[in-house]
Amino acid sequence: MKVIKYQTPSNAIRHGLLVATGRKWTQLILIEHPIRVTRIPNTELSSVTEMSYRLGRAKRVVKDMVKAYYGTMRNAPKSVRKVL
C-alpha cells in the first residue's frame, strides 16, 4: 500500500492510497467523499506519482473519513473494510 497523487483524465488531481495492482486494473482509495475503492486501468499508471506522506497517517485520515461519512466502519462498503 502506498500514498499516491493521481491526475484523472479530466485533469483533476486526487490523493489516495494505492491498494492493489493487477493485470488490467489498479485499485485506489481516493481521499474524497464517499470513500470507496476505485478501479483505474493500468494504462493510466503513468499519471500516478508516489508521495512522501506517511502511510500510517494517511490510513488514519481515511478511517476518520469513513467513520464520519458512514457512521461506523460496519456500515462502510465491504471492499473498503477489507483494505482497512
N, C-alpha and C. Protein backbone atom coordinates (compact mmCIF):
# COMPACT_ATOMS: atom_id res chain seq x y z
N MET A 1 0.84 -1.16 0.00
CA MET A 1 0.00 0.00 0.00
C MET A 1 0.90 1.24 0.00
N LYS A 2 0.57 2.22 -0.85
CA LYS A 2 1.36 3.44 -0.99
C LYS A 2 0.44 4.65 -0.99
N VAL A 3 0.97 5.79 -0.59
CA VAL A 3 0.26 7.05 -0.70
C VAL A 3 0.62 7.66 -2.05
N ILE A 4 -0.41 8.02 -2.84
CA ILE A 4 -0.17 8.46 -4.20
C ILE A 4 -0.90 9.76 -4.50
N LYS A 5 -0.48 10.39 -5.60
CA LYS A 5 -1.18 11.53 -6.18
C LYS A 5 -1.57 11.08 -7.58
N TYR A 6 -2.85 11.25 -7.95
CA TYR A 6 -3.37 10.72 -9.20
C TYR A 6 -4.01 11.86 -9.99
N GLN A 7 -3.60 12.02 -11.23
CA GLN A 7 -4.22 13.01 -12.10
C GLN A 7 -5.20 12.29 -13.01
N THR A 8 -6.48 12.60 -12.85
CA THR A 8 -7.54 11.93 -13.59
C THR A 8 -7.52 12.36 -15.05
N PRO A 9 -8.21 11.62 -15.92
CA PRO A 9 -8.26 12.02 -17.33
C PRO A 9 -8.86 13.41 -17.55
N SER A 10 -9.68 13.89 -16.61
CA SER A 10 -10.25 15.24 -16.72
C SER A 10 -9.35 16.28 -16.07
N ASN A 11 -8.09 15.92 -15.79
CA ASN A 11 -7.05 16.79 -15.23
C ASN A 11 -7.33 17.26 -13.81
N ALA A 12 -8.11 16.53 -13.06
CA ALA A 12 -8.28 16.80 -11.64
C ALA A 12 -7.22 16.01 -10.89
N ILE A 13 -6.70 16.59 -9.81
CA ILE A 13 -5.66 15.91 -9.04
C ILE A 13 -6.29 15.38 -7.76
N ARG A 14 -6.12 14.09 -7.52
CA ARG A 14 -6.68 13.42 -6.34
C ARG A 14 -5.54 12.76 -5.58
N HIS A 15 -5.69 12.68 -4.27
CA HIS A 15 -4.75 11.96 -3.42
C HIS A 15 -5.44 10.72 -2.91
N GLY A 16 -4.67 9.69 -2.65
CA GLY A 16 -5.27 8.46 -2.18
C GLY A 16 -4.25 7.40 -1.82
N LEU A 17 -4.77 6.19 -1.63
CA LEU A 17 -3.95 5.03 -1.29
C LEU A 17 -4.02 4.04 -2.45
N LEU A 18 -2.88 3.58 -2.90
CA LEU A 18 -2.82 2.53 -3.91
C LEU A 18 -2.95 1.20 -3.19
N VAL A 19 -4.01 0.47 -3.46
CA VAL A 19 -4.31 -0.75 -2.73
C VAL A 19 -3.69 -1.96 -3.39
N ALA A 20 -3.99 -2.18 -4.67
CA ALA A 20 -3.52 -3.39 -5.34
C ALA A 20 -3.36 -3.11 -6.83
N THR A 21 -2.41 -3.80 -7.44
CA THR A 21 -2.20 -3.69 -8.88
C THR A 21 -2.36 -5.08 -9.47
N GLY A 22 -3.25 -5.18 -10.43
CA GLY A 22 -3.49 -6.46 -11.09
C GLY A 22 -2.97 -6.43 -12.51
N ARG A 23 -3.46 -7.36 -13.32
CA ARG A 23 -3.01 -7.47 -14.70
C ARG A 23 -3.60 -6.35 -15.56
N LYS A 24 -4.88 -6.00 -15.33
CA LYS A 24 -5.55 -4.98 -16.13
C LYS A 24 -5.89 -3.72 -15.34
N TRP A 25 -6.19 -3.88 -14.05
CA TRP A 25 -6.71 -2.78 -13.25
C TRP A 25 -5.85 -2.53 -12.02
N THR A 26 -5.89 -1.30 -11.54
CA THR A 26 -5.26 -0.91 -10.28
C THR A 26 -6.36 -0.38 -9.38
N GLN A 27 -6.33 -0.77 -8.11
CA GLN A 27 -7.35 -0.33 -7.17
C GLN A 27 -6.80 0.79 -6.30
N LEU A 28 -7.60 1.85 -6.15
CA LEU A 28 -7.23 3.01 -5.36
C LEU A 28 -8.34 3.33 -4.38
N ILE A 29 -7.98 3.86 -3.22
CA ILE A 29 -8.94 4.50 -2.34
C ILE A 29 -8.61 5.98 -2.40
N LEU A 30 -9.46 6.75 -3.07
CA LEU A 30 -9.23 8.17 -3.19
C LEU A 30 -9.75 8.88 -1.95
N ILE A 31 -9.03 9.90 -1.51
CA ILE A 31 -9.40 10.62 -0.30
C ILE A 31 -10.39 11.71 -0.70
N GLU A 32 -11.64 11.30 -0.86
CA GLU A 32 -12.76 12.18 -1.17
C GLU A 32 -14.03 11.46 -0.73
N HIS A 33 -15.10 12.19 -0.55
CA HIS A 33 -16.36 11.58 -0.14
C HIS A 33 -17.16 11.20 -1.36
N PRO A 34 -17.84 10.10 -1.40
CA PRO A 34 -17.82 9.00 -0.45
C PRO A 34 -16.56 8.16 -0.62
N ILE A 35 -16.07 7.64 0.48
CA ILE A 35 -14.89 6.78 0.47
C ILE A 35 -15.28 5.44 -0.14
N ARG A 36 -14.58 5.07 -1.20
CA ARG A 36 -14.84 3.78 -1.85
C ARG A 36 -13.59 3.37 -2.62
N VAL A 37 -13.53 2.12 -2.98
CA VAL A 37 -12.41 1.61 -3.78
C VAL A 37 -12.73 1.90 -5.24
N THR A 38 -11.78 2.54 -5.93
CA THR A 38 -11.94 2.92 -7.32
C THR A 38 -10.95 2.13 -8.16
N ARG A 39 -11.41 1.66 -9.33
CA ARG A 39 -10.52 0.95 -10.23
C ARG A 39 -10.14 1.86 -11.38
N ILE A 40 -8.86 1.84 -11.74
CA ILE A 40 -8.40 2.55 -12.93
C ILE A 40 -7.63 1.57 -13.80
N PRO A 41 -7.65 1.74 -15.11
CA PRO A 41 -6.88 0.83 -15.97
C PRO A 41 -5.39 1.08 -15.80
N ASN A 42 -4.61 0.03 -15.98
CA ASN A 42 -3.16 0.14 -15.81
C ASN A 42 -2.52 1.08 -16.83
N THR A 43 -3.22 1.41 -17.90
CA THR A 43 -2.67 2.35 -18.87
C THR A 43 -2.59 3.76 -18.29
N GLU A 44 -3.33 4.05 -17.22
CA GLU A 44 -3.30 5.36 -16.59
C GLU A 44 -2.29 5.44 -15.45
N LEU A 45 -1.48 4.42 -15.25
CA LEU A 45 -0.49 4.44 -14.16
C LEU A 45 0.61 5.46 -14.38
N SER A 46 0.74 5.96 -15.59
CA SER A 46 1.74 7.00 -15.83
C SER A 46 1.36 8.31 -15.16
N SER A 47 0.08 8.49 -14.84
CA SER A 47 -0.37 9.71 -14.18
C SER A 47 -0.41 9.57 -12.65
N VAL A 48 0.13 8.47 -12.13
CA VAL A 48 0.19 8.23 -10.68
C VAL A 48 1.62 8.45 -10.21
N THR A 49 1.78 9.29 -9.19
CA THR A 49 3.10 9.51 -8.60
C THR A 49 3.04 9.21 -7.11
N GLU A 50 4.10 8.63 -6.59
CA GLU A 50 4.16 8.29 -5.17
C GLU A 50 4.53 9.53 -4.38
N MET A 51 3.93 9.67 -3.21
CA MET A 51 4.20 10.82 -2.35
C MET A 51 5.00 10.39 -1.13
N SER A 52 5.64 11.35 -0.49
CA SER A 52 6.44 11.05 0.70
C SER A 52 5.63 11.20 1.98
N TYR A 53 4.31 11.21 1.87
CA TYR A 53 3.42 11.32 3.02
C TYR A 53 3.42 10.01 3.78
N ARG A 54 3.31 10.07 5.11
CA ARG A 54 3.37 8.85 5.91
C ARG A 54 2.12 7.99 5.70
N LEU A 55 2.34 6.70 5.49
CA LEU A 55 1.25 5.76 5.23
C LEU A 55 0.32 5.63 6.43
N GLY A 56 0.86 5.55 7.63
CA GLY A 56 0.02 5.41 8.82
C GLY A 56 -0.90 6.59 9.01
N ARG A 57 -0.40 7.78 8.77
CA ARG A 57 -1.21 8.98 8.90
C ARG A 57 -2.32 9.01 7.84
N ALA A 58 -2.00 8.61 6.62
CA ALA A 58 -2.99 8.59 5.55
C ALA A 58 -4.09 7.57 5.84
N LYS A 59 -3.72 6.41 6.37
CA LYS A 59 -4.73 5.39 6.72
C LYS A 59 -5.64 5.91 7.82
N ARG A 60 -5.07 6.65 8.79
CA ARG A 60 -5.88 7.19 9.87
C ARG A 60 -6.86 8.24 9.35
N VAL A 61 -6.42 9.07 8.40
CA VAL A 61 -7.30 10.06 7.80
C VAL A 61 -8.45 9.38 7.07
N VAL A 62 -8.14 8.33 6.33
CA VAL A 62 -9.19 7.60 5.60
C VAL A 62 -10.17 6.95 6.57
N LYS A 63 -9.67 6.35 7.65
CA LYS A 63 -10.56 5.75 8.63
C LYS A 63 -11.47 6.78 9.28
N ASP A 64 -10.92 7.96 9.60
CA ASP A 64 -11.74 9.02 10.17
C ASP A 64 -12.81 9.50 9.19
N MET A 65 -12.45 9.57 7.90
CA MET A 65 -13.43 9.97 6.89
C MET A 65 -14.52 8.91 6.73
N VAL A 66 -14.14 7.63 6.82
CA VAL A 66 -15.13 6.54 6.73
C VAL A 66 -16.11 6.64 7.90
N LYS A 67 -15.58 6.85 9.09
CA LYS A 67 -16.45 6.94 10.26
C LYS A 67 -17.35 8.17 10.19
N ALA A 68 -16.84 9.28 9.65
CA ALA A 68 -17.66 10.48 9.54
C ALA A 68 -18.76 10.31 8.49
N TYR A 69 -18.47 9.64 7.39
CA TYR A 69 -19.44 9.50 6.31
C TYR A 69 -20.45 8.39 6.57
N TYR A 70 -19.97 7.22 7.02
CA TYR A 70 -20.83 6.06 7.18
C TYR A 70 -21.30 5.84 8.62
N GLY A 71 -20.77 6.59 9.57
CA GLY A 71 -21.17 6.43 10.97
C GLY A 71 -20.27 5.47 11.71
N THR A 72 -20.15 4.25 11.21
CA THR A 72 -19.26 3.25 11.79
C THR A 72 -18.56 2.50 10.66
N MET A 73 -17.50 1.80 11.00
CA MET A 73 -16.81 1.00 9.99
C MET A 73 -17.70 -0.13 9.49
N ARG A 74 -18.63 -0.56 10.32
CA ARG A 74 -19.52 -1.67 9.96
C ARG A 74 -20.43 -1.29 8.78
N ASN A 75 -20.76 0.00 8.64
CA ASN A 75 -21.64 0.44 7.56
C ASN A 75 -20.90 0.75 6.26
N ALA A 76 -19.57 0.76 6.30
CA ALA A 76 -18.77 1.07 5.11
C ALA A 76 -18.86 -0.10 4.12
N PRO A 77 -18.59 0.17 2.83
CA PRO A 77 -18.58 -0.92 1.86
C PRO A 77 -17.56 -2.00 2.21
N LYS A 78 -17.88 -3.22 1.84
CA LYS A 78 -17.04 -4.35 2.19
C LYS A 78 -15.64 -4.22 1.59
N SER A 79 -15.52 -3.66 0.42
CA SER A 79 -14.20 -3.52 -0.21
C SER A 79 -13.32 -2.56 0.57
N VAL A 80 -13.89 -1.54 1.17
CA VAL A 80 -13.11 -0.58 1.98
C VAL A 80 -12.73 -1.23 3.32
N ARG A 81 -13.68 -1.93 3.94
CA ARG A 81 -13.39 -2.58 5.22
C ARG A 81 -12.29 -3.62 5.09
N LYS A 82 -12.28 -4.34 3.98
CA LYS A 82 -11.29 -5.39 3.76
C LYS A 82 -9.89 -4.80 3.68
N VAL A 83 -9.76 -3.61 3.10
CA VAL A 83 -8.46 -2.98 2.95
C VAL A 83 -7.99 -2.38 4.27
N LEU A 84 -8.89 -1.72 5.00
CA LEU A 84 -8.50 -1.05 6.22
C LEU A 84 -8.55 -2.00 7.38
